[in-house]
PDB file of N, CA and C in Angstrom:
ATOM      1  N   MET A   1      22.857  37.010  32.425  1.00  0.00           N
ATOM      2  CA  MET A   1      23.056  35.332  31.955  1.00  0.00           C
ATOM      3  C   MET A   1      23.063  35.088  30.154  1.00  0.00           C
ATOM      4  N   GLY A   2      21.773  35.586  29.949  1.00  0.00           N
ATOM      5  CA  GLY A   2      21.536  34.560  28.625  1.00  0.00           C
ATOM      6  C   GLY A   2      20.924  36.649  28.226  1.00  0.00           C
ATOM      7  N   GLU A   3      20.919  36.615  26.806  1.00  0.00           N
ATOM      8  CA  GLU A   3      20.416  37.352  26.353  1.00  0.00           C
ATOM      9  C   GLU A   3      18.781  37.156  25.502  1.00  0.00           C
ATOM     10  N   VAL A   4      18.174  38.011  25.249  1.00  0.00           N
ATOM     11  CA  VAL A   4      16.990  37.523  24.645  1.00  0.00           C
ATOM     12  C   VAL A   4      16.996  37.636  23.537  1.00  0.00           C
ATOM     13  N   MET A   5      16.432  37.050  22.923  1.00  0.00           N
ATOM     14  CA  MET A   5      16.843  36.852  21.339  1.00  0.00           C
ATOM     15  C   MET A   5      15.400  37.785  21.174  1.00  0.00           C
ATOM     16  N   THR A   6      15.371  38.692  20.130  1.00  0.00           N
ATOM     17  CA  THR A   6      14.370  39.333  19.854  1.00  0.00           C
ATOM     18  C   THR A   6      14.006  39.814  18.136  1.00  0.00           C
ATOM     19  N   ILE A   7      13.045  39.251  17.908  1.00  0.00           N
ATOM     20  CA  ILE A   7      12.846  39.274  16.288  1.00  0.00           C
ATOM     21  C   ILE A   7      12.775  40.839  15.615  1.00  0.00           C
ATOM     22  N   PRO A   8      13.766  41.294  14.682  1.00  0.00           N
ATOM     23  CA  PRO A   8      13.403  42.181  14.494  1.00  0.00           C
ATOM     24  C   PRO A   8      12.232  42.634  13.472  1.00  0.00           C
ATOM     25  N   LYS A   9      12.143  43.857  13.075  1.00  0.00           N
ATOM     26  CA  LYS A   9      10.856  44.136  12.690  1.00  0.00           C
ATOM     27  C   LYS A   9      10.797  44.238  11.000  1.00  0.00           C
ATOM     28  N   VAL A  10      12.360  43.725  11.221  1.00  0.00           N
ATOM     29  CA  VAL A  10      12.659  44.615   9.183  1.00  0.00           C
ATOM     30  C   VAL A  10      12.770  42.721   9.297  1.00  0.00           C
ATOM     31  N   TYR A  11      12.982  41.572   9.765  1.00  0.00           N
ATOM     32  CA  TYR A  11      12.188  40.403   9.140  1.00  0.00           C
ATOM     33  C   TYR A  11      10.736  39.994   9.061  1.00  0.00           C
ATOM     34  N   LEU A  12      10.146  40.667  10.100  1.00  0.00           N
ATOM     35  CA  LEU A  12       8.675  39.875  10.049  1.00  0.00           C
ATOM     36  C   LEU A  12       8.090  41.115   8.563  1.00  0.00           C
ATOM     37  N   ARG A  13       9.031  42.184   8.286  1.00  0.00           N
ATOM     38  CA  ARG A  13       8.501  42.380   6.699  1.00  0.00           C
ATOM     39  C   ARG A  13       8.681  41.842   5.434  1.00  0.00           C
ATOM     40  N   ASP A  14       9.839  41.182   5.926  1.00  0.00           N
ATOM     41  CA  ASP A  14      10.367  40.640   4.300  1.00  0.00           C
ATOM     42  C   ASP A  14       9.494  39.484   4.309  1.00  0.00           C
ATOM     43  N   ARG A  15       9.153  39.540   2.555  1.00  0.00           N
ATOM     44  CA  ARG A  15       8.274  38.320   2.556  1.00  0.00           C
ATOM     45  C   ARG A  15       8.508  37.542   2.096  1.00  0.00           C
ATOM     46  N   LEU A  16       9.552  37.630   1.294  1.00  0.00           N
ATOM     47  CA  LEU A  16      10.777  36.095   0.872  1.00  0.00           C
ATOM     48  C   LEU A  16      11.303  35.866   2.077  1.00  0.00           C
ATOM     49  N   ALA A  17      11.941  36.399   2.540  1.00  0.00           N
ATOM     50  CA  ALA A  17      11.562  35.791   4.177  1.00  0.00           C
ATOM     51  C   ALA A  17      10.721  34.773   4.793  1.00  0.00           C
ATOM     52  N   LEU A  18       9.289  35.589   5.013  1.00  0.00           N
ATOM     53  CA  LEU A  18       8.400  34.644   5.830  1.00  0.00           C
ATOM     54  C   LEU A  18       7.704  34.093   4.707  1.00  0.00           C
ATOM     55  N   LEU A  19       8.382  34.189   3.468  1.00  0.00           N
ATOM     56  CA  LEU A  19       7.429  33.001   2.278  1.00  0.00           C
ATOM     57  C   LEU A  19       8.543  31.734   2.498  1.00  0.00           C
ATOM     58  N   ILE A  20       9.248  31.643   2.852  1.00  0.00           N
ATOM     59  CA  ILE A  20      10.517  30.910   2.531  1.00  0.00           C
ATOM     60  C   ILE A  20      10.615  30.093   3.917  1.00  0.00           C
ATOM     61  N   VAL A  21       9.911  31.251   5.368  1.00  0.00           N
ATOM     62  CA  VAL A  21       9.490  30.080   6.222  1.00  0.00           C
ATOM     63  C   VAL A  21       8.307  29.928   6.699  1.00  0.00           C
ATOM     64  N   SER A  22       7.077  29.629   6.150  1.00  0.00           N
ATOM     65  CA  SER A  22       5.931  29.297   5.202  1.00  0.00           C
ATOM     66  C   SER A  22       6.385  27.760   4.492  1.00  0.00           C
ATOM     67  N   ILE A  23       6.993  28.008   3.604  1.00  0.00           N
ATOM     68  CA  ILE A  23       7.213  26.594   2.439  1.00  0.00           C
ATOM     69  C   ILE A  23       8.210  25.500   3.996  1.00  0.00           C
ATOM     70  N   ASN A  24       9.029  25.997   4.340  1.00  0.00           N
ATOM     71  CA  ASN A  24       9.597  25.476   4.993  1.00  0.00           C
ATOM     72  C   ASN A  24       8.484  24.653   5.907  1.00  0.00           C
ATOM     73  N   GLY A  25       8.037  25.437   6.821  1.00  0.00           N
ATOM     74  CA  GLY A  25       6.905  25.278   7.970  1.00  0.00           C
ATOM     75  C   GLY A  25       5.846  23.777   6.930  1.00  0.00           C
ATOM     76  N   PHE A  26       5.680  23.863   5.562  1.00  0.00           N
ATOM     77  CA  PHE A  26       4.414  23.491   4.934  1.00  0.00           C
ATOM     78  C   PHE A  26       5.259  21.861   4.558  1.00  0.00           C
ATOM     79  N   LEU A  27       6.557  22.336   4.065  1.00  0.00           N
ATOM     80  CA  LEU A  27       7.189  20.693   4.444  1.00  0.00           C
ATOM     81  C   LEU A  27       7.536  20.457   5.689  1.00  0.00           C
ATOM     82  N   LEU A  28       7.142  20.893   6.834  1.00  0.00           N
ATOM     83  CA  LEU A  28       7.763  20.058   7.963  1.00  0.00           C
ATOM     84  C   LEU A  28       6.487  19.635   7.698  1.00  0.00           C
ATOM     85  N   LEU A  29       5.285  20.191   7.671  1.00  0.00           N
ATOM     86  CA  LEU A  29       4.079  19.508   7.725  1.00  0.00           C
ATOM     87  C   LEU A  29       3.906  18.037   6.774  1.00  0.00           C
ATOM     88  N   LEU A  30       4.227  18.316   5.617  1.00  0.00           N
ATOM     89  CA  LEU A  30       4.253  17.415   4.694  1.00  0.00           C
ATOM     90  C   LEU A  30       5.028  16.128   4.682  1.00  0.00           C
ATOM     91  N   LEU A  31       6.079  16.297   5.631  1.00  0.00           N
ATOM     92  CA  LEU A  31       7.106  15.460   5.932  1.00  0.00           C
ATOM     93  C   LEU A  31       6.457  14.545   7.084  1.00  0.00           C
ATOM     94  N   THR A  32       6.416  14.984   7.724  1.00  0.00           N
ATOM     95  CA  THR A  32       5.119  14.821   9.239  1.00  0.00           C
ATOM     96  C   THR A  32       4.060  13.814   8.914  1.00  0.00           C
ATOM     97  N   VAL A  33       3.028  14.707   8.247  1.00  0.00           N
ATOM     98  CA  VAL A  33       1.899  13.686   7.197  1.00  0.00           C
ATOM     99  C   VAL A  33       2.235  12.398   6.945  1.00  0.00           C
ATOM    100  N   LEU A  34       3.185  12.685   5.745  1.00  0.00           N
ATOM    101  CA  LEU A  34       3.259  11.466   4.951  1.00  0.00           C
ATOM    102  C   LEU A  34       3.697   9.997   5.436  1.00  0.00           C
ATOM    103  N   ILE A  35       4.678  10.752   6.710  1.00  0.00           N
ATOM    104  CA  ILE A  35       5.596   9.152   7.481  1.00  0.00           C
ATOM    105  C   ILE A  35       4.802   8.871   8.713  1.00  0.00           C
ATOM    106  N   LEU A  36       3.833   9.122   8.900  1.00  0.00           N
ATOM    107  CA  LEU A  36       3.111   9.311   9.899  1.00  0.00           C
ATOM    108  C   LEU A  36       1.506   8.656   9.063  1.00  0.00           C
ATOM    109  N   LEU A  37       1.018   8.742   8.099  1.00  0.00           N
ATOM    110  CA  LEU A  37       0.260   8.034   7.399  1.00  0.00           C
ATOM    111  C   LEU A  37       0.761   6.818   6.672  1.00  0.00           C
ATOM    112  N   ARG A  38       1.947   6.604   6.624  1.00  0.00           N
ATOM    113  CA  ARG A  38       2.617   4.901   5.957  1.00  0.00           C
ATOM    114  C   ARG A  38       2.671   4.944   6.918  1.00  0.00           C
ATOM    115  N   LEU A  39       3.098   4.750   8.063  1.00  0.00           N
ATOM    116  CA  LEU A  39       3.773   3.839   9.335  1.00  0.00           C
ATOM    117  C   LEU A  39       2.577   3.035   9.519  1.00  0.00           C
ATOM    118  N   ASP A  40       3.072   2.010   9.620  1.00  0.00           N
ATOM    119  CA  ASP A  40       1.883   0.741  10.146  1.00  0.00           C
ATOM    120  C   ASP A  40       2.538  -0.213  11.000  1.00  0.00           C
ATOM    121  N   THR A  41       1.792  -0.131  12.291  1.00  0.00           N
ATOM    122  CA  THR A  41       1.833  -0.293  13.133  1.00  0.00           C
ATOM    123  C   THR A  41       2.291  -2.134  13.825  1.00  0.00           C
ATOM    124  N   SER A  42       1.487  -2.971  12.394  1.00  0.00           N
ATOM    125  CA  SER A  42       1.497  -4.156  12.466  1.00  0.00           C
ATOM    126  C   SER A  42       3.019  -4.663  11.991  1.00  0.00           C
ATOM    127  N   HIS A  43       3.941  -4.011  11.370  1.00  0.00           N
ATOM    128  CA  HIS A  43       5.122  -4.554  10.620  1.00  0.00           C
ATOM    129  C   HIS A  43       6.203  -3.984  11.721  1.00  0.00           C
ATOM    130  N   ASN A  44       7.283  -4.744  12.262  1.00  0.00           N
ATOM    131  CA  ASN A  44       7.931  -4.534  13.501  1.00  0.00           C
ATOM    132  C   ASN A  44       9.130  -4.295  13.317  1.00  0.00           C
ATOM    133  N   SER A  45       9.479  -4.444  12.176  1.00  0.00           N
ATOM    134  CA  SER A  45      10.540  -3.868  10.949  1.00  0.00           C
ATOM    135  C   SER A  45      10.592  -3.118   9.674  1.00  0.00           C
ATOM    136  N   TYR A  46      11.140  -2.079   9.460  1.00  0.00           N
ATOM    137  CA  TYR A  46      11.237  -1.065   8.004  1.00  0.00           C
ATOM    138  C   TYR A  46      13.019  -1.654   7.664  1.00  0.00           C
ATOM    139  N   ILE A  47      13.267  -0.733   6.377  1.00  0.00           N
ATOM    140  CA  ILE A  47      13.850  -0.885   6.354  1.00  0.00           C
ATOM    141  C   ILE A  47      14.475   0.468   6.053  1.00  0.00           C
ATOM    142  N   VAL A  48      15.620   0.958   6.455  1.00  0.00           N
ATOM    143  CA  VAL A  48      16.364   2.035   7.140  1.00  0.00           C
ATOM    144  C   VAL A  48      17.541   2.367   6.600  1.00  0.00           C
ATOM    145  N   GLN A  49      17.932   1.681   6.367  1.00  0.00           N
ATOM    146  CA  GLN A  49      19.165   1.648   5.562  1.00  0.00           C
ATOM    147  C   GLN A  49      19.430   0.731   4.123  1.00  0.00           C
ATOM    148  N   TYR A  50      20.679   1.078   3.663  1.00  0.00           N
ATOM    149  CA  TYR A  50      21.176   0.310   2.234  1.00  0.00           C
ATOM    150  C   TYR A  50      22.356   0.703   2.393  1.00  0.00           C
ATOM    151  N   ARG A  51      23.215  -0.061   1.765  1.00  0.00           N
ATOM    152  CA  ARG A  51      24.798  -0.749   2.540  1.00  0.00           C
ATOM    153  C   ARG A  51      25.043  -1.112   0.783  1.00  0.00           C
ATOM    154  N   SER A  52      25.657  -0.442  -0.185  1.00  0.00           N
ATOM    155  CA  SER A  52      26.514  -0.625  -1.210  1.00  0.00           C
ATOM    156  C   SER A  52      27.311  -1.446  -1.609  1.00  0.00           C
ATOM    157  N   ASP A  53      28.526  -1.316  -0.247  1.00  0.00           N
ATOM    158  CA  ASP A  53      29.496  -2.129  -0.408  1.00  0.00           C
ATOM    159  C   ASP A  53      28.753  -3.666  -0.036  1.00  0.00           C
ATOM    160  N   VAL A  54      28.149  -4.454   0.833  1.00  0.00           N
ATOM    161  CA  VAL A  54      27.697  -5.284   1.057  1.00  0.00           C
ATOM    162  C   VAL A  54      27.030  -5.531  -0.310  1.00  0.00           C
ATOM    163  N   VAL A  55      27.258  -6.946  -0.769  1.00  0.00           N
ATOM    164  CA  VAL A  55      26.911  -7.845  -1.129  1.00  0.00           C
ATOM    165  C   VAL A  55      25.050  -7.927  -1.059  1.00  0.00           C
ATOM    166  N   ILE A  56      25.825  -9.231   0.100  1.00  0.00           N
ATOM    167  CA  ILE A  56      24.429 -10.062   0.379  1.00  0.00           C
ATOM    168  C   ILE A  56      23.755  -9.045   1.656  1.00  0.00           C
ATOM    169  N   ASN A  57      22.696  -8.773   1.580  1.00  0.00           N
ATOM    170  CA  ASN A  57      22.090  -8.456   2.481  1.00  0.00           C
ATOM    171  C   ASN A  57      22.235  -7.136   2.722  1.00  0.00           C
ATOM    172  N   ALA A  58      22.496  -5.902   1.774  1.00  0.00           N
ATOM    173  CA  ALA A  58      22.652  -4.474   1.391  1.00  0.00           C
ATOM    174  C   ALA A  58      21.076  -4.091   2.703  1.00  0.00           C
ATOM    175  N   PHE A  59      20.420  -4.344   2.531  1.00  0.00           N
ATOM    176  CA  PHE A  59      19.798  -3.749   3.525  1.00  0.00           C
ATOM    177  C   PHE A  59      19.586  -3.635   4.706  1.00  0.00           C
ATOM    178  N   ARG A  60      19.631  -3.134   5.468  1.00  0.00           N
ATOM    179  CA  ARG A  60      19.491  -2.965   7.432  1.00  0.00           C
ATOM    180  C   ARG A  60      17.978  -3.119   7.441  1.00  0.00           C
ATOM    181  N   SER A  61      17.301  -3.601   8.374  1.00  0.00           N
ATOM    182  CA  SER A  61      16.026  -3.184   8.928  1.00  0.00           C
ATOM    183  C   SER A  61      16.292  -2.953  10.147  1.00  0.00           C
ATOM    184  N   GLY A  62      14.943  -1.895  10.502  1.00  0.00           N
ATOM    185  CA  GLY A  62      15.140  -1.092  12.254  1.00  0.00           C
ATOM    186  C   GLY A  62      13.541  -1.093  12.199  1.00  0.00           C
ATOM    187  N   SER A  63      13.136   0.089  13.815  1.00  0.00           N
ATOM    188  CA  SER A  63      11.776  -0.441  13.973  1.00  0.00           C
ATOM    189  C   SER A  63      11.035   1.221  13.170  1.00  0.00           C
ATOM    190  N   SER A  64       9.937   1.424  13.627  1.00  0.00           N
ATOM    191  CA  SER A  64       9.276   2.589  13.336  1.00  0.00           C
ATOM    192  C   SER A  64      10.136   3.436  14.038  1.00  0.00           C
ATOM    193  N   ILE A  65      10.953   3.749  15.209  1.00  0.00           N
ATOM    194  CA  ILE A  65      11.404   4.494  15.925  1.00  0.00           C
ATOM    195  C   ILE A  65      12.264   5.260  14.940  1.00  0.00           C
ATOM    196  N   ASP A  66      12.987   3.963  13.884  1.00  0.00           N
ATOM    197  CA  ASP A  66      14.446   5.067  13.000  1.00  0.00           C
ATOM    198  C   ASP A  66      13.033   5.441  11.946  1.00  0.00           C
ATOM    199  N   LEU A  67      12.183   5.559  11.587  1.00  0.00           N
ATOM    200  CA  LEU A  67      11.645   6.333  10.327  1.00  0.00           C
ATOM    201  C   LEU A  67      11.140   7.975  11.197  1.00  0.00           C
ATOM    202  N   LEU A  68      10.632   7.742  12.674  1.00  0.00           N
ATOM    203  CA  LEU A  68      10.284   8.366  13.372  1.00  0.00           C
ATOM    204  C   LEU A  68      11.000   9.645  14.081  1.00  0.00           C
ATOM    205  N   SER A  69      12.455   9.674  13.464  1.00  0.00           N
ATOM    206  CA  SER A  69      13.626  10.220  13.945  1.00  0.00           C
ATOM    207  C   SER A  69      13.862  11.251  12.524  1.00  0.00           C
ATOM    208  N   PHE A  70      12.988  10.965  11.145  1.00  0.00           N
ATOM    209  CA  PHE A  70      12.632  11.742  10.337  1.00  0.00           C
ATOM    210  C   PHE A  70      11.950  13.017  10.706  1.00  0.00           C
ATOM    211  N   ILE A  71      11.088  12.989  11.588  1.00  0.00           N
ATOM    212  CA  ILE A  71      10.039  13.822  12.210  1.00  0.00           C
ATOM    213  C   ILE A  71      10.984  14.587  13.337  1.00  0.00           C
ATOM    214  N   VAL A  72      11.892  14.047  13.843  1.00  0.00           N
ATOM    215  CA  VAL A  72      12.008  15.021  14.748  1.00  0.00           C
ATOM    216  C   VAL A  72      13.812  15.635  14.559  1.00  0.00           C
ATOM    217  N   PHE A  73      13.756  15.513  12.800  1.00  0.00           N
ATOM    218  CA  PHE A  73      15.270  15.711  12.317  1.00  0.00           C
ATOM    219  C   PHE A  73      14.211  17.226  10.832  1.00  0.00           C
ATOM    220  N   GLY A  74      13.469  17.042  10.565  1.00  0.00           N
ATOM    221  CA  GLY A  74      12.504  17.754  10.095  1.00  0.00           C
ATOM    222  C   GLY A  74      12.426  19.033  11.548  1.00  0.00           C
ATOM    223  N   ILE A  75      11.761  18.631  12.388  1.00  0.00           N
ATOM    224  CA  ILE A  75      11.717  20.218  13.249  1.00  0.00           C
ATOM    225  C   ILE A  75      12.503  20.331  13.865  1.00  0.00           C
ATOM    226  N   LEU A  76      13.578  19.962  14.286  1.00  0.00           N
ATOM    227  CA  LEU A  76      15.282  20.324  13.914  1.00  0.00           C
ATOM    228  C   LEU A  76      15.605  21.109  13.646  1.00  0.00           C
ATOM    229  N   VAL A  77      15.413  21.549  11.921  1.00  0.00           N
ATOM    230  CA  VAL A  77      15.680  21.690  11.211  1.00  0.00           C
ATOM    231  C   VAL A  77      15.106  23.326  10.870  1.00  0.00           C
ATOM    232  N   PHE A  78      13.464  22.639  11.167  1.00  0.00           N
ATOM    233  CA  PHE A  78      13.025  23.826  10.855  1.00  0.00           C
ATOM    234  C   PHE A  78      13.085  25.048  11.603  1.00  0.00           C
ATOM    235  N   ILE A  79      13.255  24.711  13.325  1.00  0.00           N
ATOM    236  CA  ILE A  79      13.684  25.131  14.733  1.00  0.00           C
ATOM    237  C   ILE A  79      14.713  26.343  14.587  1.00  0.00           C
ATOM    238  N   LEU A  80      16.163  25.212  14.500  1.00  0.00           N
ATOM    239  CA  LEU A  80      17.415  26.058  14.794  1.00  0.00           C
ATOM    240  C   LEU A  80      17.714  26.448  13.409  1.00  0.00           C
ATOM    241  N   ASN A  81      17.104  26.266  12.007  1.00  0.00           N
ATOM    242  CA  ASN A  81      17.321  27.080  10.712  1.00  0.00           C
ATOM    243  C   ASN A  81      16.365  28.108  10.615  1.00  0.00           C
ATOM    244  N   THR A  82      15.578  28.488  11.417  1.00  0.00           N
ATOM    245  CA  THR A  82      14.731  29.938  11.437  1.00  0.00           C
ATOM    246  C   THR A  82      15.423  31.061  13.119  1.00  0.00           C
ATOM    247  N   LEU A  83      15.508  29.792  13.197  1.00  0.00           N
ATOM    248  CA  LEU A  83      16.640  30.324  14.607  1.00  0.00           C
ATOM    249  C   LEU A  83      18.163  31.157  14.152  1.00  0.00           C
ATOM    250  N   ILE A  84      18.620  30.539  12.891  1.00  0.00           N
ATOM    251  CA  ILE A  84      20.018  30.850  12.631  1.00  0.00           C
ATOM    252  C   ILE A  84      19.645  32.113  11.904  1.00  0.00           C
ATOM    253  N   SER A  85      18.653  31.606  10.550  1.00  0.00           N
ATOM    254  CA  SER A  85      18.441  33.725   9.663  1.00  0.00           C
ATOM    255  C   SER A  85      17.604  34.761  11.160  1.00  0.00           C
ATOM    256  N   LEU A  86      17.497  34.251  11.414  1.00  0.00           N
ATOM    257  CA  LEU A  86      17.279  35.168  12.877  1.00  0.00           C
ATOM    258  C   LEU A  86      18.281  35.943  12.613  1.00  0.00           C
ATOM    259  N   ARG A  87      19.333  35.708  13.241  1.00  0.00           N
ATOM    260  CA  ARG A  87      20.556  35.659  13.652  1.00  0.00           C
ATOM    261  C   ARG A  87      21.768  36.688  12.603  1.00  0.00           C
ATOM    262  N   ALA A  88      21.004  35.900  11.534  1.00  0.00           N
ATOM    263  CA  ALA A  88      21.715  35.951  10.275  1.00  0.00           C
ATOM    264  C   ALA A  88      20.900  37.301   9.703  1.00  0.00           C
ATOM    265  N   TYR A  89      20.365  37.245   9.743  1.00  0.00           N
ATOM    266  CA  TYR A  89      19.193  38.810   9.266  1.00  0.00           C
ATOM    267  C   TYR A  89      20.053  40.124   9.347  1.00  0.00           C
ATOM    268  N   LEU A  90      20.364  40.064  10.591  1.00  0.00           N
ATOM    269  CA  LEU A  90      21.132  41.154  11.364  1.00  0.00           C
ATOM    270  C   LEU A  90      22.285  41.608  10.430  1.00  0.00           C
ATOM    271  N   ILE A  91      23.133  40.388  10.248  1.00  0.00           N
ATOM    272  CA  ILE A  91      24.284  40.824   9.431  1.00  0.00           C
ATOM    273  C   ILE A  91      24.164  40.888   7.678  1.00  0.00           C
ATOM    274  N   HIS A  92      23.379  40.341   7.211  1.00  0.00           N
ATOM    275  CA  HIS A  92      23.130  40.236   6.146  1.00  0.00           C
ATOM    276  C   HIS A  92      21.872  39.207   5.863  1.00  0.00           C
ATOM    277  N   ARG A  93      21.104  40.185   4.670  1.00  0.00           N
ATOM    278  CA  ARG A  93      19.717  40.158   4.307  1.00  0.00           C
ATOM    279  C   ARG A  93      19.868  38.197   3.168  1.00  0.00           C
ATOM    280  N   GLN A  94      20.835  38.330   2.689  1.00  0.00           N
ATOM    281  CA  GLN A  94      21.386  37.457   1.723  1.00  0.00           C
ATOM    282  C   GLN A  94      20.936  36.547   2.433  1.00  0.00           C
ATOM    283  N   LEU A  95      22.470  36.223   3.320  1.00  0.00           N
ATOM    284  CA  LEU A  95      22.718  35.345   3.917  1.00  0.00           C
ATOM    285  C   LEU A  95      21.768  34.317   4.691  1.00  0.00           C
ATOM    286  N   ALA A  96      20.334  34.899   5.467  1.00  0.00           N
ATOM    287  CA  ALA A  96      19.533  34.875   6.562  1.00  0.00           C
ATOM    288  C   ALA A  96      18.444  33.787   5.013  1.00  0.00           C
ATOM    289  N   LEU A  97      18.408  34.501   3.890  1.00  0.00           N
ATOM    290  CA  LEU A  97      17.942  33.814   3.031  1.00  0.00           C
ATOM    291  C   LEU A  97      18.174  32.295   2.432  1.00  0.00           C
ATOM    292  N   THR A  98      19.860  32.566   2.199  1.00  0.00           N
ATOM    293  CA  THR A  98      20.349  31.258   1.853  1.00  0.00           C
ATOM    294  C   THR A  98      20.053  30.225   3.105  1.00  0.00           C
ATOM    295  N   VAL A  99      20.937  30.794   4.754  1.00  0.00           N
ATOM    296  CA  VAL A  99      20.341  29.734   5.510  1.00  0.00           C
ATOM    297  C   VAL A  99      18.878  29.057   5.472  1.00  0.00           C
ATOM    298  N   LEU A 100      17.358  29.856   5.361  1.00  0.00           N
ATOM    299  CA  LEU A 100      16.200  29.628   4.685  1.00  0.00           C
ATOM    300  C   LEU A 100      16.609  28.628   3.557  1.00  0.00           C
ATOM    301  N   GLY A 101      17.359  29.160   2.765  1.00  0.00           N
ATOM    302  CA  GLY A 101      17.111  28.184   1.192  1.00  0.00           C
ATOM    303  C   GLY A 101      17.539  27.075   1.382  1.00  0.00           C
ATOM    304  N   LEU A 102      18.801  26.424   2.356  1.00  0.00           N
ATOM    305  CA  LEU A 102      18.870  25.326   2.462  1.00  0.00           C
ATOM    306  C   LEU A 102      18.162  25.068   3.445  1.00  0.00           C
ATOM    307  N   GLY A 103      17.281  25.049   4.443  1.00  0.00           N
ATOM    308  CA  GLY A 103      16.466  24.003   5.472  1.00  0.00           C
ATOM    309  C   GLY A 103      15.528  23.914   4.720  1.00  0.00           C
ATOM    310  N   THR A 104      15.497  24.404   3.178  1.00  0.00           N
ATOM    311  CA  THR A 104      14.526  23.717   2.585  1.00  0.00           C
ATOM    312  C   THR A 104      14.781  22.594   1.728  1.00  0.00           C
ATOM    313  N   LEU A 105      16.355  23.103   1.065  1.00  0.00           N
ATOM    314  CA  LEU A 105      16.783  21.684   0.125  1.00  0.00           C
ATOM    315  C   LEU A 105      16.701  20.481   1.708  1.00  0.00           C
ATOM    316  N   LEU A 106      16.645  20.898   2.419  1.00  0.00           N
ATOM    317  CA  LEU A 106      16.983  19.317   4.075  1.00  0.00           C
ATOM    318  C   LEU A 106      15.603  19.060   3.826  1.00  0.00           C
ATOM    319  N   LEU A 107      15.129  19.781   4.468  1.00  0.00           N
ATOM    320  CA  LEU A 107      13.626  19.333   4.191  1.00  0.00           C
ATOM    321  C   LEU A 107      13.088  18.654   3.425  1.00  0.00           C
ATOM    322  N   VAL A 108      13.587  19.097   1.952  1.00  0.00           N
ATOM    323  CA  VAL A 108      12.576  17.568   0.968  1.00  0.00           C
ATOM    324  C   VAL A 108      13.761  16.679   0.452  1.00  0.00           C
ATOM    325  N   LEU A 109      14.834  16.616   1.065  1.00  0.00           N
ATOM    326  CA  LEU A 109      15.600  15.248   0.698  1.00  0.00           C
ATOM    327  C   LEU A 109      15.233  14.533   1.813  1.00  0.00           C
ATOM    328  N   ALA A 110      15.062  15.151   3.180  1.00  0.00           N
ATOM    329  CA  ALA A 110      14.348  14.131   4.033  1.00  0.00           C
ATOM    330  C   ALA A 110      13.126  13.772   3.377  1.00  0.00           C
ATOM    331  N   ILE A 111      12.028  14.174   2.896  1.00  0.00           N
ATOM    332  CA  ILE A 111      11.208  13.914   2.001  1.00  0.00           C
ATOM    333  C   ILE A 111      11.687  12.722   1.102  1.00  0.00           C
ATOM    334  N   ILE A 112      12.185  13.110   0.532  1.00  0.00           N
ATOM    335  CA  ILE A 112      12.654  12.107  -0.624  1.00  0.00           C
ATOM    336  C   ILE A 112      13.211  10.802   0.014  1.00  0.00           C
ATOM    337  N   VAL A 113      13.757  11.049   1.288  1.00  0.00           N
ATOM    338  CA  VAL A 113      14.450   9.357   1.683  1.00  0.00           C
ATOM    339  C   VAL A 113      13.640   9.122   2.453  1.00  0.00           C
ATOM    340  N   SER A 114      12.663   9.230   3.350  1.00  0.00           N
ATOM    341  CA  SER A 114      11.383   8.671   4.119  1.00  0.00           C
ATOM    342  C   SER A 114      10.650   8.168   3.392  1.00  0.00           C
ATOM    343  N   ASN A 115      10.185   8.763   1.949  1.00  0.00           N
ATOM    344  CA  ASN A 115       9.233   8.001   1.092  1.00  0.00           C
ATOM    345  C   ASN A 115       9.983   7.479   0.618  1.00  0.00           C
ATOM    346  N   ALA A 116      11.375   7.041   0.177  1.00  0.00           N
ATOM    347  CA  ALA A 116      12.263   5.993  -0.632  1.00  0.00           C
ATOM    348  C   ALA A 116      12.311   4.380   0.801  1.00  0.00           C
ATOM    349  N   LEU A 117      12.480   5.281   1.842  1.00  0.00           N
ATOM    350  CA  LEU A 117      12.635   4.313   2.528  1.00  0.00           C
ATOM    351  C   LEU A 117      11.782   3.201   3.007  1.00  0.00           C
ATOM    352  N   LEU A 118      10.587   3.988   2.753  1.00  0.00           N
ATOM    353  CA  LEU A 118       8.876   3.774   3.510  1.00  0.00           C
ATOM    354  C   LEU A 118       8.719   2.545   1.914  1.00  0.00           C
ATOM    355  N   VAL A 119       8.785   3.677   0.549  1.00  0.00           N
ATOM    356  CA  VAL A 119       8.651   2.450  -0.467  1.00  0.00           C
ATOM    357  C   VAL A 119       9.020   0.924  -0.149  1.00  0.00           C
ATOM    358  N   LEU A 120      10.009   1.029   0.396  1.00  0.00           N
ATOM    359  CA  LEU A 120      11.170  -0.405   0.062  1.00  0.00           C
ATOM    360  C   LEU A 120      10.396  -1.414   1.223  1.00  0.00           C
ATOM    361  N   ARG A 121       9.610  -0.750   2.219  1.00  0.00           N
ATOM    362  CA  ARG A 121       9.134  -1.837   3.347  1.00  0.00           C
ATOM    363  C   ARG A 121       9.523  -3.243   3.066  1.00  0.00           C
TER     364      ARG A 121
END
């Protein structure tokens, strides 16, 4: 049926790849902590969207579940990014490192956007 994916030993010995995976793990932890510490259970609505084309009431509000979806997004990015880089490492090392770097960019952008939305509260 399905082929079991094994981790290549050269991937586990590649210090740069492991460094980027560790950075991504730290960014995921930072994203989770920043969101959970800033969420307030007494607030029922948070600003979750800004529409620049709407002049009046450009801000859209949502619940805390909408902000918790940033954590789910970060987890998905971390897991899928690591799995794709494992597969890509067998093809080419630079491709795997590029994939990991793009995951780092996504996690940093998620931190910036979630922080900006929580500040607007």
